[in-house]
Amino acid sequence: MASLHIQTPSQPPSQPPSQSPSPPPSTIPTATNNPTHTTGLNYGSVLWIPLMHVGALAAIPFFSTRNLAVAALLYFVTGCLGITLTYHRMLAHRTFAVPKWLERILATFAALAMEGGPIKWIGHHRMHHAHADTDLDPHDSRRGFFYCHVGWTFLYKPAFDDPERQRKFARDIYNDPYYRWLDTTPGMLIPQAILAGILFLVAGGGMAGLGLILWGVCLRMTLVYHATWLVNSATHFFGYKNYAVDDMSRNTWWVALFGFGEGWHNNHHAHPGCVEAGHKWWEFDITMGVVRLLNSLGLVTKMKSIRDHAASKDLGDEAVGEAEAVAGAV
């Protein structure tokens, strides 16, 4: 950590230099604890995200029923099974568990969404819950719709993006060597390259193979990006509230439709430690349906349901609380 050097004006010889008391070390703004400190652009996001959007547009002339079906299947596999089920509800909040072999397969599906490796994604998400809609929130919605939707991904802020900071908020994830690999650049690109190769071969190569890659990788990935980002943006601006919370989270039905139940964001912020997102009978939750299916197959343990805590006013989030304590967050 770089030292902070403050140079004061020189004093006349007859007056000894005055010295003001130094602030406590925890209050000195540094690169890793000042949330407003930006060191530049996140060039990976600046290059990758527009490239995927260009690829999504290029996919349109290659429309076919097969390409649409493959993109829809991969949208579900990476968006629902990967990001929503695994990164979010299982790993970030620890609301249920599955056997380790299945957990790692599902985490690989999440990595195919290219929203960052598990340590980065879960670290950011736990920071968000610890300080929702404040300066310490990586995608603070008070800074406007565009910023909390995608703009925040283009900036490098050490308070959120420093790898050590992320590891402190996701120490349980960092302890797994496979997840440490998924968090590396090869760990993100190699599975994606394997998927692209399979799609190319399935389509028979040539322009047909290219078209299936554009639909199954670029267009699919772009749609999953926006489904995830809408949870950060739209559900903090539009919708209704079932619970009084200290942030701007709301329940937004159309985000729940595209985001596999994640649009019931006010419910989630009120009870982040329970597996269900939908708390009313009409609040459909596709991801919870998958959890119930896995549970019926005997694959789910340690499930934390709001129905099991009906007498409790609030079901806390132990995963976020423990991560915040380890990180020494303010």
C-alpha atoms as a PDB file:
ATOM      1  CA  MET A   1       0.000   0.000   0.000  1.00  0.00           C
ATOM      2  CA  ALA A   2       1.425   3.368  -1.000  1.00  0.00           C
ATOM      3  CA  SER A   3       2.119   5.777   1.820  1.00  0.00           C
ATOM      4  CA  LEU A   4       0.242   9.052   1.986  1.00  0.00           C
ATOM      5  CA  HIS A   5       2.651  12.010   2.090  1.00  0.00           C
ATOM      6  CA  ILE A   6       1.258  15.452   2.920  1.00  0.00           C
ATOM      7  CA  GLN A   7       3.575  18.413   2.451  1.00  0.00           C
ATOM      8  CA  THR A   8       2.770  21.532   4.524  1.00  0.00           C
ATOM      9  CA  PRO A   9       3.938  25.115   3.809  1.00  0.00           C
ATOM     10  CA  SER A  10       7.116  26.194   5.600  1.00  0.00           C
ATOM     11  CA  GLN A  11       6.742  28.344   8.741  1.00  0.00           C
ATOM     12  CA  PRO A  12       8.771  31.459   9.751  1.00  0.00           C
ATOM     13  CA  PRO A  13      11.684  30.645  12.093  1.00  0.00           C
ATOM     14  CA  SER A  14      10.058  32.504  14.998  1.00  0.00           C
ATOM     15  CA  GLN A  15       7.010  30.255  14.814  1.00  0.00           C
ATOM     16  CA  PRO A  16       7.580  26.541  15.223  1.00  0.00           C
ATOM     17  CA  PRO A  17       5.586  24.495  12.735  1.00  0.00           C
ATOM     18  CA  SER A  18       2.187  23.571  14.026  1.00  0.00           C
ATOM     19  CA  GLN A  19       1.215  19.937  13.943  1.00  0.00           C
ATOM     20  CA  SER A  20      -2.350  18.768  13.732  1.00  0.00           C
ATOM     21  CA  PRO A  21      -3.204  15.313  15.024  1.00  0.00           C
ATOM     22  CA  SER A  22      -3.043  12.576  12.419  1.00  0.00           C
ATOM     23  CA  PRO A  23      -6.328  10.841  11.565  1.00  0.00           C
ATOM     24  CA  PRO A  24      -6.701   7.235  12.658  1.00  0.00           C
ATOM     25  CA  PRO A  25      -5.280   4.827  10.057  1.00  0.00           C
ATOM     26  CA  SER A  26      -8.756   3.435   9.258  1.00  0.00           C
ATOM     27  CA  THR A  27      -9.967   6.887   8.139  1.00  0.00           C
ATOM     28  CA  ILE A  28      -7.085   7.650   5.777  1.00  0.00           C
ATOM     29  CA  PRO A  29      -8.418   7.185   2.233  1.00  0.00           C
ATOM     30  CA  THR A  30      -6.389   4.643   0.314  1.00  0.00           C
ATOM     31  CA  ALA A  31      -6.816   2.851  -2.978  1.00  0.00           C
ATOM     32  CA  THR A  32      -8.464  -0.135  -1.331  1.00  0.00           C
ATOM     33  CA  ASN A  33     -10.868   1.549   1.106  1.00  0.00           C
ATOM     34  CA  ASN A  34     -11.961   4.680  -0.762  1.00  0.00           C
ATOM     35  CA  PRO A  35     -14.981   3.677  -2.889  1.00  0.00           C
ATOM     36  CA  THR A  36     -14.796   6.851  -4.985  1.00  0.00           C
ATOM     37  CA  HIS A  37     -11.179   6.214  -6.026  1.00  0.00           C
ATOM     38  CA  THR A  38     -10.954   5.117  -9.664  1.00  0.00           C
ATOM     39  CA  THR A  39      -7.595   4.204 -11.170  1.00  0.00           C
ATOM     40  CA  GLY A  40      -8.812   3.963 -14.754  1.00  0.00           C
ATOM     41  CA  LEU A  41     -10.830   1.776 -17.060  1.00  0.00           C
ATOM     42  CA  ASN A  42     -11.440  -1.929 -16.699  1.00  0.00           C
ATOM     43  CA  TYR A  43     -10.096  -2.683 -20.170  1.00  0.00           C
ATOM     44  CA  GLY A  44     -11.282  -6.281 -20.135  1.00  0.00           C
ATOM     45  CA  SER A  45     -14.907  -5.172 -19.827  1.00  0.00           C
ATOM     46  CA  VAL A  46     -14.439  -2.174 -22.137  1.00  0.00           C
ATOM     47  CA  LEU A  47     -13.274  -4.507 -24.922  1.00  0.00           C
ATOM     48  CA  TRP A  48     -15.225  -7.704 -24.226  1.00  0.00           C
ATOM     49  CA  ILE A  49     -18.756  -6.402 -23.591  1.00  0.00           C
ATOM     50  CA  PRO A  50     -19.052  -4.313 -26.789  1.00  0.00           C
ATOM     51  CA  LEU A  51     -17.505  -7.197 -28.750  1.00  0.00           C
ATOM     52  CA  MET A  52     -20.235  -9.565 -27.539  1.00  0.00           C
ATOM     53  CA  HIS A  53     -22.904  -7.020 -28.487  1.00  0.00           C
ATOM     54  CA  VAL A  54     -21.440  -6.755 -31.991  1.00  0.00           C
ATOM     55  CA  GLY A  55     -21.452 -10.556 -32.189  1.00  0.00           C
ATOM     56  CA  ALA A  56     -25.099 -10.583 -31.062  1.00  0.00           C
ATOM     57  CA  LEU A  57     -26.054  -8.251 -33.896  1.00  0.00           C
ATOM     58  CA  ALA A  58     -24.016 -10.320 -36.351  1.00  0.00           C
ATOM     59  CA  ALA A  59     -25.994 -13.399 -35.288  1.00  0.00           C
ATOM     60  CA  ILE A  60     -29.299 -12.075 -36.630  1.00  0.00           C
ATOM     61  CA  PRO A  61     -28.711 -13.028 -40.320  1.00  0.00           C
ATOM     62  CA  PHE A  62     -27.939 -16.595 -39.170  1.00  0.00           C
ATOM     63  CA  PHE A  63     -31.367 -17.112 -37.633  1.00  0.00           C
ATOM     64  CA  SER A  64     -32.703 -20.662 -37.697  1.00  0.00           C
ATOM     65  CA  THR A  65     -34.917 -22.729 -35.436  1.00  0.00           C
ATOM     66  CA  ARG A  66     -31.901 -24.788 -34.403  1.00  0.00           C
ATOM     67  CA  ASN A  67     -29.769 -21.759 -33.563  1.00  0.00           C
ATOM     68  CA  LEU A  68     -32.627 -20.231 -31.566  1.00  0.00           C
ATOM     69  CA  ALA A  69     -33.166 -23.476 -29.635  1.00  0.00           C
ATOM     70  CA  VAL A  70     -29.467 -23.820 -28.803  1.00  0.00           C
ATOM     71  CA  ALA A  71     -29.244 -20.188 -27.656  1.00  0.00           C
ATOM     72  CA  ALA A  72     -32.352 -20.617 -25.484  1.00  0.00           C
ATOM     73  CA  LEU A  73     -30.977 -23.802 -23.921  1.00  0.00           C
ATOM     74  CA  LEU A  74     -27.631 -22.179 -23.147  1.00  0.00           C
ATOM     75  CA  TYR A  75     -29.426 -19.071 -21.832  1.00  0.00           C
ATOM     76  CA  PHE A  76     -31.099 -21.336 -19.271  1.00  0.00           C
ATOM     77  CA  VAL A  77     -27.977 -23.378 -18.510  1.00  0.00           C
ATOM     78  CA  THR A  78     -25.674 -20.390 -17.959  1.00  0.00           C
ATOM     79  CA  GLY A  79     -28.205 -17.847 -16.664  1.00  0.00           C
ATOM     80  CA  CYS A  80     -30.463 -19.964 -14.454  1.00  0.00           C
ATOM     81  CA  LEU A  81     -28.408 -23.023 -13.517  1.00  0.00           C
ATOM     82  CA  GLY A  82     -25.144 -21.070 -13.513  1.00  0.00           C
ATOM     83  CA  ILE A  83     -25.532 -17.482 -12.333  1.00  0.00           C
ATOM     84  CA  THR A  84     -28.841 -17.514 -10.461  1.00  0.00           C
ATOM     85  CA  LEU A  85     -28.886 -20.981  -8.915  1.00  0.00           C
ATOM     86  CA  THR A  86     -25.169 -21.460  -8.276  1.00  0.00           C
ATOM     87  CA  TYR A  87     -23.232 -18.198  -8.054  1.00  0.00           C
ATOM     88  CA  HIS A  88     -26.077 -16.340  -6.374  1.00  0.00           C
ATOM     89  CA  ARG A  89     -28.287 -18.498  -4.198  1.00  0.00           C
ATOM     90  CA  MET A  90     -25.973 -21.429  -3.472  1.00  0.00           C
ATOM     91  CA  LEU A  91     -22.476 -19.907  -3.256  1.00  0.00           C
ATOM     92  CA  ALA A  92     -22.985 -16.214  -2.486  1.00  0.00           C
ATOM     93  CA  HIS A  93     -25.704 -16.712   0.136  1.00  0.00           C
ATOM     94  CA  ARG A  94     -25.235 -20.388   1.055  1.00  0.00           C
ATOM     95  CA  THR A  95     -29.018 -20.957   1.093  1.00  0.00           C
ATOM     96  CA  PHE A  96     -28.590 -24.618   0.122  1.00  0.00           C
ATOM     97  CA  ALA A  97     -25.884 -27.110  -0.788  1.00  0.00           C
ATOM     98  CA  VAL A  98     -25.424 -29.916  -3.323  1.00  0.00           C
ATOM     99  CA  PRO A  99     -22.691 -32.550  -3.661  1.00  0.00           C
ATOM    100  CA  LYS A 100     -19.318 -31.004  -4.524  1.00  0.00           C
ATOM    101  CA  TRP A 101     -19.100 -32.687  -7.941  1.00  0.00           C
ATOM    102  CA  LEU A 102     -22.445 -31.174  -8.949  1.00  0.00           C
ATOM    103  CA  GLU A 103     -21.570 -27.787  -7.438  1.00  0.00           C
ATOM    104  CA  ARG A 104     -18.435 -27.566  -9.581  1.00  0.00           C
ATOM    105  CA  ILE A 105     -20.298 -28.534 -12.752  1.00  0.00           C
ATOM    106  CA  LEU A 106     -22.902 -25.850 -12.069  1.00  0.00           C
ATOM    107  CA  ALA A 107     -20.176 -23.292 -11.263  1.00  0.00           C
ATOM    108  CA  THR A 108     -18.613 -24.063 -14.650  1.00  0.00           C
ATOM    109  CA  PHE A 109     -21.974 -23.268 -16.257  1.00  0.00           C
ATOM    110  CA  ALA A 110     -21.866 -19.931 -14.416  1.00  0.00           C
ATOM    111  CA  ALA A 111     -18.334 -19.228 -15.657  1.00  0.00           C
ATOM    112  CA  LEU A 112     -19.631 -19.672 -19.223  1.00  0.00           C
ATOM    113  CA  ALA A 113     -21.768 -16.565 -18.645  1.00  0.00           C
ATOM    114  CA  MET A 114     -18.486 -14.571 -18.534  1.00  0.00           C
ATOM    115  CA  GLU A 115     -19.630 -12.299 -15.710  1.00  0.00           C
ATOM    116  CA  GLY A 116     -16.399 -12.919 -13.858  1.00  0.00           C
ATOM    117  CA  GLY A 117     -15.020 -15.863 -11.971  1.00  0.00           C
ATOM    118  CA  PRO A 118     -16.709 -17.092  -8.783  1.00  0.00           C
ATOM    119  CA  ILE A 119     -14.424 -15.169  -6.418  1.00  0.00           C
ATOM    120  CA  LYS A 120     -14.985 -11.864  -8.199  1.00  0.00           C
ATOM    121  CA  TRP A 121     -18.725 -12.346  -8.740  1.00  0.00           C
ATOM    122  CA  ILE A 122     -19.467 -13.505  -5.210  1.00  0.00           C
ATOM    123  CA  GLY A 123     -17.133 -10.942  -3.653  1.00  0.00           C
ATOM    124  CA  HIS A 124     -18.920  -8.117  -5.499  1.00  0.00           C
ATOM    125  CA  HIS A 125     -22.340  -9.479  -4.595  1.00  0.00           C
ATOM    126  CA  ARG A 126     -21.550  -9.768  -0.903  1.00  0.00           C
ATOM    127  CA  MET A 127     -20.210  -6.198  -0.949  1.00  0.00           C
ATOM    128  CA  HIS A 128     -23.525  -5.136  -2.509  1.00  0.00           C
ATOM    129  CA  HIS A 129     -25.590  -6.770   0.232  1.00  0.00           C
ATOM    130  CA  ALA A 130     -23.368  -5.492   3.018  1.00  0.00           C
ATOM    131  CA  HIS A 131     -23.793  -1.871   1.831  1.00  0.00           C
ATOM    132  CA  ALA A 132     -26.676  -1.740  -0.666  1.00  0.00           C
ATOM    133  CA  ASP A 133     -27.193   1.643  -2.358  1.00  0.00           C
ATOM    134  CA  THR A 134     -24.343   3.377  -0.551  1.00  0.00           C
ATOM    135  CA  ASP A 135     -20.859   4.497  -1.604  1.00  0.00           C
ATOM    136  CA  LEU A 136     -19.616   1.042  -0.576  1.00  0.00           C
ATOM    137  CA  ASP A 137     -21.929  -0.726  -3.059  1.00  0.00           C
ATOM    138  CA  PRO A 138     -20.069  -1.718  -6.280  1.00  0.00           C
ATOM    139  CA  HIS A 139     -23.150  -0.864  -8.382  1.00  0.00           C
ATOM    140  CA  ASP A 140     -24.724   1.868  -6.257  1.00  0.00           C
ATOM    141  CA  SER A 141     -28.094   2.641  -7.894  1.00  0.00           C
ATOM    142  CA  ARG A 142     -28.046   6.203  -6.541  1.00  0.00           C
ATOM    143  CA  ARG A 143     -25.522   6.967  -9.295  1.00  0.00           C
ATOM    144  CA  GLY A 144     -28.119   6.425 -11.994  1.00  0.00           C
ATOM    145  CA  PHE A 145     -29.623   3.679 -14.117  1.00  0.00           C
ATOM    146  CA  PHE A 146     -26.782   3.378 -16.646  1.00  0.00           C
ATOM    147  CA  TYR A 147     -24.098   3.230 -13.965  1.00  0.00           C
ATOM    148  CA  CYS A 148     -25.700   0.446 -11.930  1.00  0.00           C
ATOM    149  CA  HIS A 149     -26.758  -1.423 -15.084  1.00  0.00           C
ATOM    150  CA  VAL A 150     -23.415  -1.614 -16.898  1.00  0.00           C
ATOM    151  CA  GLY A 151     -21.357   1.536 -16.353  1.00  0.00           C
ATOM    152  CA  TRP A 152     -19.793   0.268 -13.137  1.00  0.00           C
ATOM    153  CA  THR A 153     -18.223  -2.675 -15.008  1.00  0.00           C
ATOM    154  CA  PHE A 154     -16.158  -0.300 -17.170  1.00  0.00           C
ATOM    155  CA  LEU A 155     -14.341   1.339 -14.237  1.00  0.00           C
ATOM    156  CA  TYR A 156     -11.560  -0.135 -12.111  1.00  0.00           C
ATOM    157  CA  LYS A 157     -12.082   0.792  -8.464  1.00  0.00           C
ATOM    158  CA  PRO A 158      -9.624  -0.870  -6.075  1.00  0.00           C
ATOM    159  CA  ALA A 159     -12.177  -0.764  -3.247  1.00  0.00           C
ATOM    160  CA  PHE A 160     -14.215  -3.267  -5.243  1.00  0.00           C
ATOM    161  CA  ASP A 161     -11.889  -4.717  -7.873  1.00  0.00           C
ATOM    162  CA  ASP A 162      -8.662  -5.287  -5.986  1.00  0.00           C
ATOM    163  CA  PRO A 163      -8.246  -9.104  -6.021  1.00  0.00           C
ATOM    164  CA  GLU A 164      -7.276  -9.230  -2.357  1.00  0.00           C
ATOM    165  CA  ARG A 165     -10.383  -7.245  -1.446  1.00  0.00           C
ATOM    166  CA  GLN A 166     -12.548  -9.684  -3.413  1.00  0.00           C
ATOM    167  CA  ARG A 167     -10.854 -12.650  -1.775  1.00  0.00           C
ATOM    168  CA  LYS A 168     -11.625 -11.258   1.678  1.00  0.00           C
ATOM    169  CA  PHE A 169     -15.323 -11.140   0.832  1.00  0.00           C
ATOM    170  CA  ALA A 170     -15.232 -14.607  -0.740  1.00  0.00           C
ATOM    171  CA  ARG A 171     -12.691 -16.456   1.399  1.00  0.00           C
ATOM    172  CA  ASP A 172     -14.799 -19.642   1.428  1.00  0.00           C
ATOM    173  CA  ILE A 173     -14.827 -19.634  -2.380  1.00  0.00           C
ATOM    174  CA  TYR A 174     -11.116 -18.827  -2.611  1.00  0.00           C
ATOM    175  CA  ASN A 175     -10.311 -21.911  -0.533  1.00  0.00           C
ATOM    176  CA  ASP A 176     -11.442 -24.145  -3.398  1.00  0.00           C
ATOM    177  CA  PRO A 177      -8.578 -24.611  -5.924  1.00  0.00           C
ATOM    178  CA  TYR A 178     -10.965 -25.219  -8.828  1.00  0.00           C
ATOM    179  CA  TYR A 179     -12.735 -21.914  -8.156  1.00  0.00           C
ATOM    180  CA  ARG A 180      -9.396 -20.143  -7.968  1.00  0.00           C
ATOM    181  CA  TRP A 181      -8.680 -21.489 -11.463  1.00  0.00           C
ATOM    182  CA  LEU A 182     -12.107 -20.441 -12.775  1.00  0.00           C
ATOM    183  CA  ASP A 183     -11.310 -16.927 -11.547  1.00  0.00           C
ATOM    184  CA  THR A 184      -8.277 -16.686 -13.832  1.00  0.00           C
ATOM    185  CA  THR A 185      -8.352 -15.569 -17.474  1.00  0.00           C
ATOM    186  CA  PRO A 186      -7.600 -19.108 -18.766  1.00  0.00           C
ATOM    187  CA  GLY A 187     -10.257 -20.449 -16.412  1.00  0.00           C
ATOM    188  CA  MET A 188     -12.853 -18.238 -18.051  1.00  0.00           C
ATOM    189  CA  LEU A 189     -11.706 -18.505 -21.665  1.00  0.00           C
ATOM    190  CA  ILE A 190     -10.887 -22.225 -21.941  1.00  0.00           C
ATOM    191  CA  PRO A 191     -14.427 -23.477 -21.099  1.00  0.00           C
ATOM    192  CA  GLN A 192     -15.835 -20.866 -23.495  1.00  0.00           C
ATOM    193  CA  ALA A 193     -13.471 -22.002 -26.265  1.00  0.00           C
ATOM    194  CA  ILE A 194     -14.444 -25.636 -25.684  1.00  0.00           C
ATOM    195  CA  LEU A 195     -18.126 -24.711 -25.935  1.00  0.00           C
ATOM    196  CA  ALA A 196     -17.518 -22.736 -29.139  1.00  0.00           C
ATOM    197  CA  GLY A 197     -15.612 -25.677 -30.621  1.00  0.00           C
ATOM    198  CA  ILE A 198     -18.445 -28.076 -29.818  1.00  0.00           C
ATOM    199  CA  LEU A 199     -21.014 -25.735 -31.380  1.00  0.00           C
ATOM    200  CA  PHE A 200     -18.880 -25.354 -34.508  1.00  0.00           C
ATOM    201  CA  LEU A 201     -18.569 -29.134 -34.942  1.00  0.00           C
ATOM    202  CA  VAL A 202     -22.242 -29.811 -34.185  1.00  0.00           C
ATOM    203  CA  ALA A 203     -23.245 -27.383 -36.921  1.00  0.00           C
ATOM    204  CA  GLY A 204     -20.904 -29.062 -39.406  1.00  0.00           C
ATOM    205  CA  GLY A 205     -18.330 -26.286 -39.571  1.00  0.00           C
ATOM    206  CA  GLY A 206     -18.172 -23.497 -42.129  1.00  0.00           C
ATOM    207  CA  MET A 207     -20.630 -20.609 -42.048  1.00  0.00           C
ATOM    208  CA  ALA A 208     -23.205 -22.783 -40.299  1.00  0.00           C
ATOM    209  CA  GLY A 209     -20.707 -23.349 -37.496  1.00  0.00           C
ATOM    210  CA  LEU A 210     -19.978 -19.641 -37.297  1.00  0.00           C
ATOM    211  CA  GLY A 211     -23.677 -18.879 -37.103  1.00  0.00           C
ATOM    212  CA  LEU A 212     -24.224 -21.315 -34.247  1.00  0.00           C
ATOM    213  CA  ILE A 213     -21.271 -19.822 -32.352  1.00  0.00           C
ATOM    214  CA  LEU A 214     -22.721 -16.326 -32.777  1.00  0.00           C
ATOM    215  CA  TRP A 215     -26.084 -17.499 -31.414  1.00  0.00           C
ATOM    216  CA  GLY A 216     -24.822 -19.874 -28.735  1.00  0.00           C
ATOM    217  CA  VAL A 217     -22.017 -17.660 -27.439  1.00  0.00           C
ATOM    218  CA  CYS A 218     -22.357 -13.975 -28.391  1.00  0.00           C
ATOM    219  CA  LEU A 219     -26.132 -13.495 -28.530  1.00  0.00           C
ATOM    220  CA  ARG A 220     -26.793 -15.820 -25.605  1.00  0.00           C
ATOM    221  CA  MET A 221     -24.108 -14.166 -23.486  1.00  0.00           C
ATOM    222  CA  THR A 222     -25.399 -10.670 -24.257  1.00  0.00           C
ATOM    223  CA  LEU A 223     -28.924 -11.623 -23.189  1.00  0.00           C
ATOM    224  CA  VAL A 224     -27.671 -13.173 -19.937  1.00  0.00           C
ATOM    225  CA  TYR A 225     -25.630 -10.038 -19.262  1.00  0.00           C
ATOM    226  CA  HIS A 226     -28.689  -7.816 -19.471  1.00  0.00           C
ATOM    227  CA  ALA A 227     -30.857 -10.228 -17.470  1.00  0.00           C
ATOM    228  CA  THR A 228     -28.295 -10.025 -14.652  1.00  0.00           C
ATOM    229  CA  TRP A 229     -27.721  -6.290 -14.986  1.00  0.00           C
ATOM    230  CA  LEU A 230     -31.457  -5.562 -14.843  1.00  0.00           C
ATOM    231  CA  VAL A 231     -31.458  -6.994 -11.322  1.00  0.00           C
ATOM    232  CA  ASN A 232     -28.838  -4.386 -10.386  1.00  0.00           C
ATOM    233  CA  SER A 233     -30.635  -1.552 -12.166  1.00  0.00           C
ATOM    234  CA  ALA A 234     -34.359  -1.953 -12.941  1.00  0.00           C
ATOM    235  CA  THR A 235     -35.234  -3.624  -9.641  1.00  0.00           C
ATOM    236  CA  HIS A 236     -33.886  -0.592  -7.807  1.00  0.00           C
ATOM    237  CA  PHE A 237     -36.110   1.811  -9.805  1.00  0.00           C
ATOM    238  CA  PHE A 238     -39.330   0.059 -10.845  1.00  0.00           C
ATOM    239  CA  GLY A 239     -41.877  -2.097  -9.021  1.00  0.00           C
ATOM    240  CA  TYR A 240     -43.376  -2.559  -5.591  1.00  0.00           C
ATOM    241  CA  LYS A 241     -42.205  -3.468  -2.099  1.00  0.00           C
ATOM    242  CA  ASN A 242     -43.402  -6.234   0.184  1.00  0.00           C
ATOM    243  CA  TYR A 243     -40.918  -5.251   2.888  1.00  0.00           C
ATOM    244  CA  ALA A 244     -39.596  -2.010   4.362  1.00  0.00           C
ATOM    245  CA  VAL A 245     -35.833  -2.087   3.810  1.00  0.00           C
ATOM    246  CA  ASP A 246     -33.079   0.517   4.006  1.00  0.00           C
ATOM    247  CA  ASP A 247     -32.301   0.446   0.291  1.00  0.00           C
ATOM    248  CA  MET A 248     -34.019   1.030  -3.059  1.00  0.00           C
ATOM    249  CA  SER A 249     -34.761  -2.624  -3.916  1.00  0.00           C
ATOM    250  CA  ARG A 250     -38.141  -3.398  -5.483  1.00  0.00           C
ATOM    251  CA  ASN A 251     -40.042  -6.341  -6.915  1.00  0.00           C
ATOM    252  CA  THR A 252     -40.190  -6.157 -10.715  1.00  0.00           C
ATOM    253  CA  TRP A 253     -42.227  -8.887 -12.405  1.00  0.00           C
ATOM    254  CA  TRP A 254     -40.748  -8.564 -15.894  1.00  0.00           C
ATOM    255  CA  VAL A 255     -37.192  -8.851 -14.531  1.00  0.00           C
ATOM    256  CA  ALA A 256     -38.311 -11.977 -12.661  1.00  0.00           C
ATOM    257  CA  LEU A 257     -39.549 -13.338 -16.002  1.00  0.00           C
ATOM    258  CA  PHE A 258     -36.230 -12.878 -17.833  1.00  0.00           C
ATOM    259  CA  GLY A 259     -34.082 -13.417 -14.734  1.00  0.00           C
ATOM    260  CA  PHE A 260     -35.492 -16.747 -13.518  1.00  0.00           C
ATOM    261  CA  GLY A 261     -37.108 -15.240 -10.400  1.00  0.00           C
ATOM    262  CA  GLU A 262     -34.394 -12.735  -9.502  1.00  0.00           C
ATOM    263  CA  GLY A 263     -36.734  -9.802 -10.148  1.00  0.00           C
ATOM    264  CA  TRP A 264     -38.340 -10.219  -6.708  1.00  0.00           C
ATOM    265  CA  HIS A 265     -35.445  -8.177  -5.417  1.00  0.00           C
ATOM    266  CA  ASN A 266     -37.137  -6.457  -2.482  1.00  0.00           C
ATOM    267  CA  ASN A 267     -38.054  -9.876  -1.100  1.00  0.00           C
ATOM    268  CA  HIS A 268     -34.457 -10.983  -1.511  1.00  0.00           C
ATOM    269  CA  HIS A 269     -33.001  -7.917   0.197  1.00  0.00           C
ATOM    270  CA  ALA A 270     -35.401  -8.351   3.117  1.00  0.00           C
ATOM    271  CA  HIS A 271     -34.566 -12.063   3.480  1.00  0.00           C
ATOM    272  CA  PRO A 272     -31.227 -12.634   1.695  1.00  0.00           C
ATOM    273  CA  GLY A 273     -30.493 -15.793   3.625  1.00  0.00           C
ATOM    274  CA  CYS A 274     -33.487 -17.773   2.336  1.00  0.00           C
ATOM    275  CA  VAL A 275     -33.542 -19.701  -0.908  1.00  0.00           C
ATOM    276  CA  GLU A 276     -36.888 -18.433  -2.235  1.00  0.00           C
ATOM    277  CA  ALA A 277     -37.100 -15.123  -4.100  1.00  0.00           C
ATOM    278  CA  GLY A 278     -40.851 -15.172  -4.641  1.00  0.00           C
ATOM    279  CA  HIS A 279     -42.756 -14.812  -1.361  1.00  0.00           C
ATOM    280  CA  LYS A 280     -46.323 -14.364  -2.660  1.00  0.00           C
ATOM    281  CA  TRP A 281     -48.217 -17.093  -4.502  1.00  0.00           C
ATOM    282  CA  TRP A 282     -48.137 -15.095  -7.751  1.00  0.00           C
ATOM    283  CA  GLU A 283     -44.397 -14.318  -7.558  1.00  0.00           C
ATOM    284  CA  PHE A 284     -43.120 -17.024  -9.899  1.00  0.00           C
ATOM    285  CA  ASP A 285     -39.595 -18.242  -9.236  1.00  0.00           C
ATOM    286  CA  ILE A 286     -38.154 -20.577 -11.877  1.00  0.00           C
ATOM    287  CA  THR A 287     -34.896 -21.024  -9.988  1.00  0.00           C
ATOM    288  CA  MET A 288     -36.761 -22.186  -6.898  1.00  0.00           C
ATOM    289  CA  GLY A 289     -38.476 -24.761  -9.099  1.00  0.00           C
ATOM    290  CA  VAL A 290     -35.048 -26.127 -10.025  1.00  0.00           C
ATOM    291  CA  VAL A 291     -34.065 -26.257  -6.348  1.00  0.00           C
ATOM    292  CA  ARG A 292     -37.226 -28.236  -5.583  1.00  0.00           C
ATOM    293  CA  LEU A 293     -36.446 -30.629  -8.439  1.00  0.00           C
ATOM    294  CA  LEU A 294     -32.909 -31.214  -7.155  1.00  0.00           C
ATOM    295  CA  ASN A 295     -34.309 -31.654  -3.657  1.00  0.00           C
ATOM    296  CA  SER A 296     -36.776 -34.286  -4.875  1.00  0.00           C
ATOM    297  CA  LEU A 297     -33.802 -36.165  -6.325  1.00  0.00           C
ATOM    298  CA  GLY A 298     -32.078 -36.129  -2.952  1.00  0.00           C
ATOM    299  CA  LEU A 299     -29.318 -33.773  -4.097  1.00  0.00           C
ATOM    300  CA  VAL A 300     -30.063 -30.775  -1.848  1.00  0.00           C
ATOM    301  CA  THR A 301     -28.965 -30.355   1.768  1.00  0.00           C
ATOM    302  CA  LYS A 302     -28.820 -27.453   4.223  1.00  0.00           C
ATOM    303  CA  MET A 303     -31.712 -25.651   2.505  1.00  0.00           C
ATOM    304  CA  LYS A 304     -32.753 -22.434   4.251  1.00  0.00           C
ATOM    305  CA  SER A 305     -36.401 -21.764   3.445  1.00  0.00           C
ATOM    306  CA  ILE A 306     -38.460 -18.824   4.599  1.00  0.00           C
ATOM    307  CA  ARG A 307     -41.253 -21.302   5.298  1.00  0.00           C
ATOM    308  CA  ASP A 308     -39.062 -22.920   7.938  1.00  0.00           C
ATOM    309  CA  HIS A 309     -38.622 -19.547   9.601  1.00  0.00           C
ATOM    310  CA  ALA A 310     -42.219 -18.325   9.453  1.00  0.00           C
ATOM    311  CA  ALA A 311     -42.084 -17.139  13.058  1.00  0.00           C
ATOM    312  CA  SER A 312     -38.990 -15.062  12.391  1.00  0.00           C
ATOM    313  CA  LYS A 313     -39.386 -11.450  11.260  1.00  0.00           C
ATOM    314  CA  ASP A 314     -36.163 -11.599   9.301  1.00  0.00           C
ATOM    315  CA  LEU A 315     -33.972 -14.394   8.054  1.00  0.00           C
ATOM    316  CA  GLY A 316     -30.458 -12.988   8.106  1.00  0.00           C
ATOM    317  CA  ASP A 317     -27.642 -13.682   5.711  1.00  0.00           C
ATOM    318  CA  GLU A 318     -24.834 -15.497   7.507  1.00  0.00           C
ATOM    319  CA  ALA A 319     -22.673 -15.753   4.376  1.00  0.00           C
ATOM    320  CA  VAL A 320     -22.608 -11.981   3.817  1.00  0.00           C
ATOM    321  CA  GLY A 321     -22.173 -11.244   7.527  1.00  0.00           C
ATOM    322  CA  GLU A 322     -19.239 -13.623   7.890  1.00  0.00           C
ATOM    323  CA  ALA A 323     -17.599 -12.277   4.717  1.00  0.00           C
ATOM    324  CA  GLU A 324     -17.978  -8.697   5.910  1.00  0.00           C
ATOM    325  CA  ALA A 325     -16.433  -9.578   9.253  1.00  0.00           C
ATOM    326  CA  VAL A 326     -13.461 -11.245   7.573  1.00  0.00           C
ATOM    327  CA  ALA A 327     -12.988  -8.311   5.215  1.00  0.00           C
ATOM    328  CA  GLY A 328     -13.114  -5.810   8.045  1.00  0.00           C
ATOM    329  CA  ALA A 329     -15.596  -3.774   6.011  1.00  0.00           C
ATOM    330  CA  VAL A 330     -16.707  -0.431   7.409  1.00  0.00           C
END
